[in-house]
PDB file of N, CA and C in Angstrom:
ATOM      1  N   MET A   1     -20.351  40.378 -18.802  1.00  0.00           N
ATOM      2  CA  MET A   1     -19.165  39.840 -19.482  1.00  0.00           C
ATOM      3  C   MET A   1     -18.193  39.254 -18.440  1.00  0.00           C
ATOM      4  N   THR A   2     -18.069  39.917 -17.318  1.00  0.00           N
ATOM      5  CA  THR A   2     -17.118  39.407 -16.323  1.00  0.00           C
ATOM      6  C   THR A   2     -17.597  38.080 -15.752  1.00  0.00           C
ATOM      7  N   MET A   3     -18.887  37.929 -15.531  1.00  0.00           N
ATOM      8  CA  MET A   3     -19.386  36.656 -14.994  1.00  0.00           C
ATOM      9  C   MET A   3     -19.202  35.549 -16.021  1.00  0.00           C
ATOM     10  N   GLU A   4     -19.457  35.848 -17.281  1.00  0.00           N
ATOM     11  CA  GLU A   4     -19.264  34.814 -18.309  1.00  0.00           C
ATOM     12  C   GLU A   4     -17.792  34.423 -18.402  1.00  0.00           C
ATOM     13  N   ASP A   5     -16.915  35.405 -18.361  1.00  0.00           N
ATOM     14  CA  ASP A   5     -15.480  35.083 -18.379  1.00  0.00           C
ATOM     15  C   ASP A   5     -15.093  34.279 -17.152  1.00  0.00           C
ATOM     16  N   PHE A   6     -15.691  34.644 -16.002  1.00  0.00           N
ATOM     17  CA  PHE A   6     -15.372  33.915 -14.766  1.00  0.00           C
ATOM     18  C   PHE A   6     -15.798  32.461 -14.885  1.00  0.00           C
ATOM     19  N   PHE A   7     -17.045  32.229 -15.371  1.00  0.00           N
ATOM     20  CA  PHE A   7     -17.509  30.836 -15.477  1.00  0.00           C
ATOM     21  C   PHE A   7     -16.724  30.077 -16.535  1.00  0.00           C
ATOM     22  N   ALA A   8     -16.346  30.777 -17.619  1.00  0.00           N
ATOM     23  CA  ALA A   8     -15.543  30.110 -18.641  1.00  0.00           C
ATOM     24  C   ALA A   8     -14.183  29.714 -18.070  1.00  0.00           C
ATOM     25  N   GLY A   9     -13.575  30.605 -17.282  1.00  0.00           N
ATOM     26  CA  GLY A   9     -12.295  30.273 -16.663  1.00  0.00           C
ATOM     27  C   GLY A   9     -12.424  29.129 -15.674  1.00  0.00           C
ATOM     28  N   MET A  10     -13.508  29.130 -14.874  1.00  0.00           N
ATOM     29  CA  MET A  10     -13.702  28.039 -13.921  1.00  0.00           C
ATOM     30  C   MET A  10     -13.921  26.736 -14.664  1.00  0.00           C
ATOM     31  N   LEU A  11     -14.671  26.773 -15.780  1.00  0.00           N
ATOM     32  CA  LEU A  11     -14.887  25.549 -16.550  1.00  0.00           C
ATOM     33  C   LEU A  11     -13.562  25.024 -17.094  1.00  0.00           C
ATOM     34  N   GLY A  12     -12.717  25.926 -17.605  1.00  0.00           N
ATOM     35  CA  GLY A  12     -11.424  25.484 -18.126  1.00  0.00           C
ATOM     36  C   GLY A  12     -10.549  24.893 -17.030  1.00  0.00           C
ATOM     37  N   ILE A  13     -10.551  25.545 -15.843  1.00  0.00           N
ATOM     38  CA  ILE A  13      -9.717  25.040 -14.738  1.00  0.00           C
ATOM     39  C   ILE A  13     -10.219  23.659 -14.310  1.00  0.00           C
ATOM     40  N   PHE A  14     -11.541  23.514 -14.165  1.00  0.00           N
ATOM     41  CA  PHE A  14     -12.058  22.228 -13.696  1.00  0.00           C
ATOM     42  C   PHE A  14     -11.847  21.130 -14.739  1.00  0.00           C
ATOM     43  N   SER A  15     -11.988  21.497 -16.020  1.00  0.00           N
ATOM     44  CA  SER A  15     -11.776  20.467 -17.050  1.00  0.00           C
ATOM     45  C   SER A  15     -10.317  20.011 -17.047  1.00  0.00           C
ATOM     46  N   SER A  16      -9.379  20.955 -16.879  1.00  0.00           N
ATOM     47  CA  SER A  16      -7.974  20.553 -16.838  1.00  0.00           C
ATOM     48  C   SER A  16      -7.685  19.739 -15.580  1.00  0.00           C
ATOM     49  N   MET A  17      -8.306  20.132 -14.451  1.00  0.00           N
ATOM     50  CA  MET A  17      -8.089  19.367 -13.225  1.00  0.00           C
ATOM     51  C   MET A  17      -8.634  17.946 -13.372  1.00  0.00           C
ATOM     52  N   ILE A  18      -9.836  17.818 -13.954  1.00  0.00           N
ATOM     53  CA  ILE A  18     -10.403  16.485 -14.153  1.00  0.00           C
ATOM     54  C   ILE A  18      -9.524  15.678 -15.104  1.00  0.00           C
ATOM     55  N   PHE A  19      -9.001  16.322 -16.137  1.00  0.00           N
ATOM     56  CA  PHE A  19      -8.134  15.616 -17.098  1.00  0.00           C
ATOM     57  C   PHE A  19      -6.895  15.079 -16.395  1.00  0.00           C
ATOM     58  N   TRP A  20      -6.207  15.931 -15.620  1.00  0.00           N
ATOM     59  CA  TRP A  20      -5.000  15.451 -14.929  1.00  0.00           C
ATOM     60  C   TRP A  20      -5.358  14.427 -13.870  1.00  0.00           C
ATOM     61  N   PHE A  21      -6.538  14.593 -13.226  1.00  0.00           N
ATOM     62  CA  PHE A  21      -6.968  13.621 -12.215  1.00  0.00           C
ATOM     63  C   PHE A  21      -7.131  12.246 -12.849  1.00  0.00           C
ATOM     64  N   PHE A  22      -7.799  12.189 -14.018  1.00  0.00           N
ATOM     65  CA  PHE A  22      -7.973  10.892 -14.678  1.00  0.00           C
ATOM     66  C   PHE A  22      -6.652  10.361 -15.220  1.00  0.00           C
ATOM     67  N   MET A  23      -5.770  11.251 -15.643  1.00  0.00           N
ATOM     68  CA  MET A  23      -4.462  10.782 -16.107  1.00  0.00           C
ATOM     69  C   MET A  23      -3.696  10.122 -14.960  1.00  0.00           C
ATOM     70  N   VAL A  24      -3.730  10.722 -13.768  1.00  0.00           N
ATOM     71  CA  VAL A  24      -3.040  10.140 -12.611  1.00  0.00           C
ATOM     72  C   VAL A  24      -3.682   8.804 -12.243  1.00  0.00           C
ATOM     73  N   ILE A  25      -5.025   8.739 -12.286  1.00  0.00           N
ATOM     74  CA  ILE A  25      -5.700   7.477 -11.954  1.00  0.00           C
ATOM     75  C   ILE A  25      -5.300   6.397 -12.954  1.00  0.00           C
ATOM     76  N   MET A  26      -5.250   6.749 -14.240  1.00  0.00           N
ATOM     77  CA  MET A  26      -4.879   5.748 -15.240  1.00  0.00           C
ATOM     78  C   MET A  26      -3.436   5.292 -15.023  1.00  0.00           C
ATOM     79  N   LEU A  27      -2.527   6.217 -14.680  1.00  0.00           N
ATOM     80  CA  LEU A  27      -1.146   5.817 -14.407  1.00  0.00           C
ATOM     81  C   LEU A  27      -1.085   4.874 -13.213  1.00  0.00           C
ATOM     82  N   ILE A  28      -1.842   5.174 -12.146  1.00  0.00           N
ATOM     83  CA  ILE A  28      -1.840   4.305 -10.964  1.00  0.00           C
ATOM     84  C   ILE A  28      -2.389   2.933 -11.334  1.00  0.00           C
ATOM     85  N   ILE A  29      -3.478   2.894 -12.138  1.00  0.00           N
ATOM     86  CA  ILE A  29      -4.060   1.607 -12.528  1.00  0.00           C
ATOM     87  C   ILE A  29      -3.049   0.812 -13.346  1.00  0.00           C
ATOM     88  N   VAL A  30      -2.329   1.472 -14.250  1.00  0.00           N
ATOM     89  CA  VAL A  30      -1.331   0.760 -15.067  1.00  0.00           C
ATOM     90  C   VAL A  30      -0.237   0.187 -14.180  1.00  0.00           C
ATOM     91  N   VAL A  31       0.227   0.979 -13.206  1.00  0.00           N
ATOM     92  CA  VAL A  31       1.290   0.487 -12.314  1.00  0.00           C
ATOM     93  C   VAL A  31       0.786  -0.697 -11.492  1.00  0.00           C
ATOM     94  N   VAL A  32      -0.452  -0.618 -10.993  1.00  0.00           N
ATOM     95  CA  VAL A  32      -0.997  -1.720 -10.182  1.00  0.00           C
ATOM     96  C   VAL A  32      -1.140  -2.970 -11.035  1.00  0.00           C
ATOM     97  N   VAL A  33      -1.606  -2.816 -12.272  1.00  0.00           N
ATOM     98  CA  VAL A  33      -1.766  -3.985 -13.141  1.00  0.00           C
ATOM     99  C   VAL A  33      -0.403  -4.614 -13.430  1.00  0.00           C
ATOM    100  N   ILE A  34       0.612  -3.778 -13.667  1.00  0.00           N
ATOM    101  CA  ILE A  34       1.947  -4.336 -13.930  1.00  0.00           C
ATOM    102  C   ILE A  34       2.457  -5.069 -12.698  1.00  0.00           C
ATOM    103  N   MET A  35       2.227  -4.507 -11.503  1.00  0.00           N
ATOM    104  CA  MET A  35       2.683  -5.181 -10.281  1.00  0.00           C
ATOM    105  C   MET A  35       1.943  -6.495 -10.090  1.00  0.00           C
ATOM    106  N   MET A  36       0.625  -6.510 -10.365  1.00  0.00           N
ATOM    107  CA  MET A  36      -0.131  -7.754 -10.200  1.00  0.00           C
ATOM    108  C   MET A  36       0.353  -8.795 -11.196  1.00  0.00           C
ATOM    109  N   ILE A  37       0.655  -8.385 -12.427  1.00  0.00           N
ATOM    110  CA  ILE A  37       1.123  -9.351 -13.423  1.00  0.00           C
ATOM    111  C   ILE A  37       2.482  -9.915 -13.009  1.00  0.00           C
ATOM    112  N   SER A  38       3.367  -9.056 -12.509  1.00  0.00           N
ATOM    113  CA  SER A  38       4.689  -9.543 -12.110  1.00  0.00           C
ATOM    114  C   SER A  38       4.581 -10.447 -10.887  1.00  0.00           C
ATOM    115  N   ASN A  39       3.635 -10.168  -9.973  1.00  0.00           N
ATOM    116  CA  ASN A  39       3.483 -11.024  -8.799  1.00  0.00           C
ATOM    117  C   ASN A  39       2.797 -12.336  -9.162  1.00  0.00           C
ATOM    118  N   SER A  40       1.839 -12.303 -10.092  1.00  0.00           N
ATOM    119  CA  SER A  40       1.134 -13.539 -10.439  1.00  0.00           C
ATOM    120  C   SER A  40       2.061 -14.488 -11.185  1.00  0.00           C
ATOM    121  N   SER A  41       3.056 -13.961 -11.910  1.00  0.00           N
ATOM    122  CA  SER A  41       3.993 -14.840 -12.600  1.00  0.00           C
ATOM    123  C   SER A  41       4.875 -15.577 -11.602  1.00  0.00           C
ATOM    124  N   LYS A  42       5.108 -15.000 -10.409  1.00  0.00           N
ATOM    125  CA  LYS A  42       5.929 -15.669  -9.402  1.00  0.00           C
ATOM    126  C   LYS A  42       5.138 -16.733  -8.662  1.00  0.00           C
ATOM    127  N   GLY A  43       3.852 -16.474  -8.401  1.00  0.00           N
ATOM    128  CA  GLY A  43       3.068 -17.366  -7.560  1.00  0.00           C
ATOM    129  C   GLY A  43       2.346 -18.424  -8.368  1.00  0.00           C
ATOM    130  N   ASN A  44       1.412 -19.096  -7.668  1.00  0.00           N
ATOM    131  CA  ASN A  44       0.633 -20.161  -8.296  1.00  0.00           C
ATOM    132  C   ASN A  44      -0.634 -19.645  -8.961  1.00  0.00           C
ATOM    133  N   GLY A  45      -0.972 -18.385  -8.766  1.00  0.00           N
ATOM    134  CA  GLY A  45      -2.215 -17.864  -9.289  1.00  0.00           C
ATOM    135  C   GLY A  45      -3.401 -18.164  -8.398  1.00  0.00           C
ATOM    136  N   ASP A  46      -3.148 -18.567  -7.144  1.00  0.00           N
ATOM    137  CA  ASP A  46      -4.234 -18.887  -6.215  1.00  0.00           C
ATOM    138  C   ASP A  46      -4.731 -17.664  -5.464  1.00  0.00           C
ATOM    139  N   GLY A  47      -4.121 -16.490  -5.714  1.00  0.00           N
ATOM    140  CA  GLY A  47      -4.445 -15.324  -4.923  1.00  0.00           C
ATOM    141  C   GLY A  47      -3.612 -15.256  -3.663  1.00  0.00           C
ATOM    142  N   LYS A  48      -2.699 -16.192  -3.450  1.00  0.00           N
ATOM    143  CA  LYS A  48      -1.821 -16.193  -2.276  1.00  0.00           C
ATOM    144  C   LYS A  48      -0.414 -15.763  -2.672  1.00  0.00           C
ATOM    145  N   ASP A  49      -0.292 -14.956  -3.736  1.00  0.00           N
ATOM    146  CA  ASP A  49       1.026 -14.593  -4.243  1.00  0.00           C
ATOM    147  C   ASP A  49       1.768 -13.732  -3.219  1.00  0.00           C
ATOM    148  N   ALA A  50       1.036 -12.793  -2.554  1.00  0.00           N
ATOM    149  CA  ALA A  50       1.715 -11.924  -1.600  1.00  0.00           C
ATOM    150  C   ALA A  50       2.223 -12.746  -0.421  1.00  0.00           C
ATOM    151  N   ASN A  51       1.425 -13.689   0.071  1.00  0.00           N
ATOM    152  CA  ASN A  51       1.861 -14.508   1.198  1.00  0.00           C
ATOM    153  C   ASN A  51       3.047 -15.383   0.787  1.00  0.00           C
ATOM    154  N   ASN A  52       2.997 -15.946  -0.398  1.00  0.00           N
ATOM    155  CA  ASN A  52       4.121 -16.769  -0.840  1.00  0.00           C
ATOM    156  C   ASN A  52       5.378 -15.937  -0.962  1.00  0.00           C
ATOM    157  N   ASN A  53       5.253 -14.704  -1.478  1.00  0.00           N
ATOM    158  CA  ASN A  53       6.440 -13.863  -1.608  1.00  0.00           C
ATOM    159  C   ASN A  53       6.988 -13.511  -0.226  1.00  0.00           C
ATOM    160  N   ASN A  54       6.097 -13.216   0.735  1.00  0.00           N
ATOM    161  CA  ASN A  54       6.588 -12.887   2.075  1.00  0.00           C
ATOM    162  C   ASN A  54       7.256 -14.104   2.702  1.00  0.00           C
ATOM    163  N   ASN A  55       6.680 -15.291   2.514  1.00  0.00           N
ATOM    164  CA  ASN A  55       7.300 -16.488   3.066  1.00  0.00           C
ATOM    165  C   ASN A  55       8.649 -16.731   2.405  1.00  0.00           C
ATOM    166  N   ASN A  56       8.740 -16.489   1.101  1.00  0.00           N
ATOM    167  CA  ASN A  56      10.020 -16.681   0.432  1.00  0.00           C
ATOM    168  C   ASN A  56      11.054 -15.702   0.974  1.00  0.00           C
ATOM    169  N   ILE A  57      10.629 -14.465   1.231  1.00  0.00           N
ATOM    170  CA  ILE A  57      11.578 -13.485   1.758  1.00  0.00           C
ATOM    171  C   ILE A  57      12.047 -13.926   3.135  1.00  0.00           C
ATOM    172  N   VAL A  58      11.129 -14.426   3.987  1.00  0.00           N
ATOM    173  CA  VAL A  58      11.519 -14.866   5.325  1.00  0.00           C
ATOM    174  C   VAL A  58      12.444 -16.074   5.216  1.00  0.00           C
ATOM    175  N   ILE A  59      12.138 -17.008   4.310  1.00  0.00           N
ATOM    176  CA  ILE A  59      12.965 -18.207   4.175  1.00  0.00           C
ATOM    177  C   ILE A  59      14.339 -17.834   3.630  1.00  0.00           C
ATOM    178  N   VAL A  60      14.408 -16.795   2.810  1.00  0.00           N
ATOM    179  CA  VAL A  60      15.715 -16.422   2.247  1.00  0.00           C
ATOM    180  C   VAL A  60      16.552 -15.694   3.294  1.00  0.00           C
ATOM    181  N   THR A  61      15.909 -14.869   4.147  1.00  0.00           N
ATOM    182  CA  THR A  61      16.690 -14.074   5.086  1.00  0.00           C
ATOM    183  C   THR A  61      17.113 -14.894   6.297  1.00  0.00           C
ATOM    184  N   GLN A  62      16.304 -15.856   6.738  1.00  0.00           N
ATOM    185  CA  GLN A  62      16.666 -16.592   7.952  1.00  0.00           C
ATOM    186  C   GLN A  62      17.923 -17.444   7.762  1.00  0.00           C
ATOM    187  N   PRO A  63      18.071 -18.220   6.691  1.00  0.00           N
ATOM    188  CA  PRO A  63      19.318 -18.981   6.550  1.00  0.00           C
ATOM    189  C   PRO A  63      20.541 -18.085   6.455  1.00  0.00           C
ATOM    190  N   ALA A  64      20.387 -16.860   5.909  1.00  0.00           N
ATOM    191  CA  ALA A  64      21.534 -15.955   5.842  1.00  0.00           C
ATOM    192  C   ALA A  64      21.939 -15.543   7.251  1.00  0.00           C
ATOM    193  N   GLN A  65      20.958 -15.259   8.120  1.00  0.00           N
ATOM    194  CA  GLN A  65      21.297 -14.890   9.489  1.00  0.00           C
ATOM    195  C   GLN A  65      21.859 -16.106  10.240  1.00  0.00           C
ATOM    196  N   GLN A  66      21.293 -17.291  10.034  1.00  0.00           N
ATOM    197  CA  GLN A  66      21.780 -18.480  10.725  1.00  0.00           C
ATOM    198  C   GLN A  66      23.173 -18.856  10.223  1.00  0.00           C
ATOM    199  N   ALA A  67      23.444 -18.617   8.945  1.00  0.00           N
ATOM    200  CA  ALA A  67      24.768 -18.944   8.414  1.00  0.00           C
ATOM    201  C   ALA A  67      25.797 -17.907   8.855  1.00  0.00           C
ATOM    202  N   ALA A  68      25.365 -16.683   9.117  1.00  0.00           N
ATOM    203  CA  ALA A  68      26.327 -15.657   9.530  1.00  0.00           C
ATOM    204  C   ALA A  68      26.687 -15.818  11.004  1.00  0.00           C
ATOM    205  N   SER A  69      25.742 -16.277  11.838  1.00  0.00           N
ATOM    206  CA  SER A  69      26.048 -16.376  13.264  1.00  0.00           C
ATOM    207  C   SER A  69      26.958 -17.572  13.593  1.00  0.00           C
ATOM    208  N   PRO A  70      26.807 -18.768  13.017  1.00  0.00           N
ATOM    209  CA  PRO A  70      27.727 -19.848  13.395  1.00  0.00           C
ATOM    210  C   PRO A  70      29.146 -19.645  12.886  1.00  0.00           C
ATOM    211  N   GLU A  71      29.368 -18.679  11.974  1.00  0.00           N
ATOM    212  CA  GLU A  71      30.741 -18.497  11.482  1.00  0.00           C
ATOM    213  C   GLU A  71      31.652 -17.986  12.591  1.00  0.00           C
ATOM    214  N   LYS A  72      31.125 -17.141  13.476  1.00  0.00           N
ATOM    215  CA  LYS A  72      31.979 -16.586  14.534  1.00  0.00           C
ATOM    216  C   LYS A  72      32.445 -17.682  15.500  1.00  0.00           C
ATOM    217  N   PRO A  73      31.582 -18.593  15.988  1.00  0.00           N
ATOM    218  CA  PRO A  73      32.097 -19.657  16.856  1.00  0.00           C
ATOM    219  C   PRO A  73      33.099 -20.553  16.139  1.00  0.00           C
ATOM    220  N   LYS A  74      32.911 -20.793  14.835  1.00  0.00           N
ATOM    221  CA  LYS A  74      33.886 -21.616  14.110  1.00  0.00           C
ATOM    222  C   LYS A  74      35.245 -20.928  14.092  1.00  0.00           C
ATOM    223  N   GLU A  75      35.238 -19.586  13.867  1.00  0.00           N
ATOM    224  CA  GLU A  75      36.514 -18.883  13.881  1.00  0.00           C
ATOM    225  C   GLU A  75      37.151 -18.954  15.261  1.00  0.00           C
ATOM    226  N   LYS A  76      36.327 -18.859  16.321  1.00  0.00           N
ATOM    227  CA  LYS A  76      36.886 -18.954  17.676  1.00  0.00           C
ATOM    228  C   LYS A  76      37.452 -20.355  17.903  1.00  0.00           C
ATOM    229  N   ASN A  77      36.739 -21.396  17.436  1.00  0.00           N
ATOM    230  CA  ASN A  77      37.241 -22.752  17.624  1.00  0.00           C
ATOM    231  C   ASN A  77      38.537 -22.947  16.853  1.00  0.00           C
ATOM    232  N   GLU A  78      38.607 -22.389  15.634  1.00  0.00           N
ATOM    233  CA  GLU A  78      39.840 -22.545  14.860  1.00  0.00           C
ATOM    234  C   GLU A  78      40.994 -21.843  15.555  1.00  0.00           C
ATOM    235  N   SER A  79      40.734 -20.644  16.101  1.00  0.00           N
ATOM    236  CA  SER A  79      41.816 -19.919  16.773  1.00  0.00           C
ATOM    237  C   SER A  79      42.218 -20.661  18.059  1.00  0.00           C
ATOM    238  N   SER A  80      41.243 -21.269  18.751  1.00  0.00           N
ATOM    239  CA  SER A  80      41.583 -21.991  19.979  1.00  0.00           C
ATOM    240  C   SER A  80      42.324 -23.284  19.645  1.00  0.00           C
ATOM    241  N   ASP A  81      41.965 -23.932  18.521  1.00  0.00           N
ATOM    242  CA  ASP A  81      42.682 -25.149  18.144  1.00  0.00           C
ATOM    243  C   ASP A  81      44.127 -24.831  17.810  1.00  0.00           C
ATOM    244  N   LYS A  82      44.348 -23.677  17.181  1.00  0.00           N
ATOM    245  CA  LYS A  82      45.731 -23.310  16.863  1.00  0.00           C
ATOM    246  C   LYS A  82      46.498 -23.014  18.160  1.00  0.00           C
TER     247      LYS A  82
END
Protein backbone atom coordinates (compact mmCIF):
# COMPACT_ATOMS: atom_id res chain seq x y z
CA MET A 1 0.00 0.00 0.00
CA THR A 2 2.81 2.41 0.79
CA MET A 3 4.51 1.84 -2.57
CA GLU A 4 1.23 2.36 -4.42
CA ASP A 5 0.58 5.56 -2.49
CA PHE A 6 4.15 6.66 -3.19
CA PHE A 7 3.81 6.09 -6.94
CA ALA A 8 0.39 7.74 -6.96
CA GLY A 9 1.85 10.78 -5.20
CA MET A 10 4.80 10.92 -7.60
CA LEU A 11 2.42 10.67 -10.55
CA GLY A 12 0.33 13.54 -9.18
CA ILE A 13 3.42 15.69 -8.54
CA PHE A 14 4.84 15.05 -12.01
CA SER A 15 1.51 15.66 -13.72
CA SER A 16 1.14 19.00 -11.91
CA MET A 17 4.74 19.91 -12.73
CA ILE A 18 4.21 19.07 -16.41
CA PHE A 19 0.96 21.08 -16.40
CA TRP A 20 2.63 24.19 -14.96
CA PHE A 21 5.63 23.65 -17.26
CA PHE A 22 3.39 23.69 -20.34
CA MET A 23 1.44 26.65 -18.97
CA VAL A 24 4.69 28.65 -18.62
CA ILE A 25 5.77 27.61 -22.13
CA MET A 26 2.42 28.69 -23.57
CA LEU A 27 2.67 32.05 -21.76
CA ILE A 28 6.20 32.58 -23.14
CA ILE A 29 5.03 31.66 -26.66
CA VAL A 30 2.11 34.11 -26.39
CA VAL A 31 4.43 36.90 -25.24
CA VAL A 32 6.92 36.18 -28.06
CA VAL A 33 4.14 36.15 -30.66
CA ILE A 34 2.79 39.47 -29.36
CA MET A 35 6.30 40.98 -29.49
CA MET A 36 6.84 39.69 -33.04
CA ILE A 37 3.48 41.10 -34.15
CA SER A 38 4.24 44.50 -32.62
CA ASN A 39 7.71 44.55 -34.21
CA SER A 40 6.48 43.41 -37.64
CA SER A 41 3.92 46.24 -37.68
CA LYS A 42 6.80 48.74 -37.29
CA GLY A 43 9.08 47.24 -39.94
CA ASN A 44 8.75 46.28 -43.58
CA GLY A 45 8.18 42.59 -42.90
CA ASP A 46 11.54 41.68 -44.47
CA GLY A 47 12.80 40.04 -41.29
CA LYS A 48 15.03 43.09 -40.67
CA ASP A 49 12.63 44.61 -38.12
CA ALA A 50 15.11 44.34 -35.23
CA ASN A 51 17.88 46.01 -37.24
CA ASN A 52 15.55 48.77 -38.39
CA ASN A 53 14.40 49.38 -34.83
CA ASN A 54 18.00 49.55 -33.60
CA ASN A 55 18.92 51.95 -36.40
CA ASN A 56 15.90 54.09 -35.56
CA ILE A 57 16.94 54.17 -31.91
CA VAL A 58 20.49 55.22 -32.88
CA ILE A 59 19.17 57.86 -35.30
CA VAL A 60 16.82 59.22 -32.63
CA THR A 61 19.45 59.37 -29.87
CA GLN A 62 22.32 60.88 -31.89
CA PRO A 63 20.56 64.12 -32.94
CA ALA A 64 19.48 64.59 -29.31
CA GLN A 65 23.11 64.38 -28.17
CA GLN A 66 24.30 66.60 -31.05
CA ALA A 67 21.56 69.14 -30.30
CA ALA A 68 22.39 69.16 -26.59
CA SER A 69 26.13 69.73 -27.05
CA PRO A 70 26.05 72.81 -29.38
CA GLU A 71 23.68 74.59 -26.97
CA LYS A 72 26.48 75.21 -24.47
CA PRO A 73 28.80 77.02 -26.96
CA LYS A 74 25.83 79.13 -28.12
CA GLU A 75 25.17 80.16 -24.53
CA LYS A 76 28.87 81.02 -24.12
CA ASN A 77 28.81 83.06 -27.34
CA GLU A 78 25.68 84.89 -26.21
CA SER A 79 27.23 85.68 -22.84
CA SER A 80 30.46 86.84 -24.53
CA ASP A 81 28.52 89.01 -26.99
CA LYS A 82 26.76 90.69 -24.09
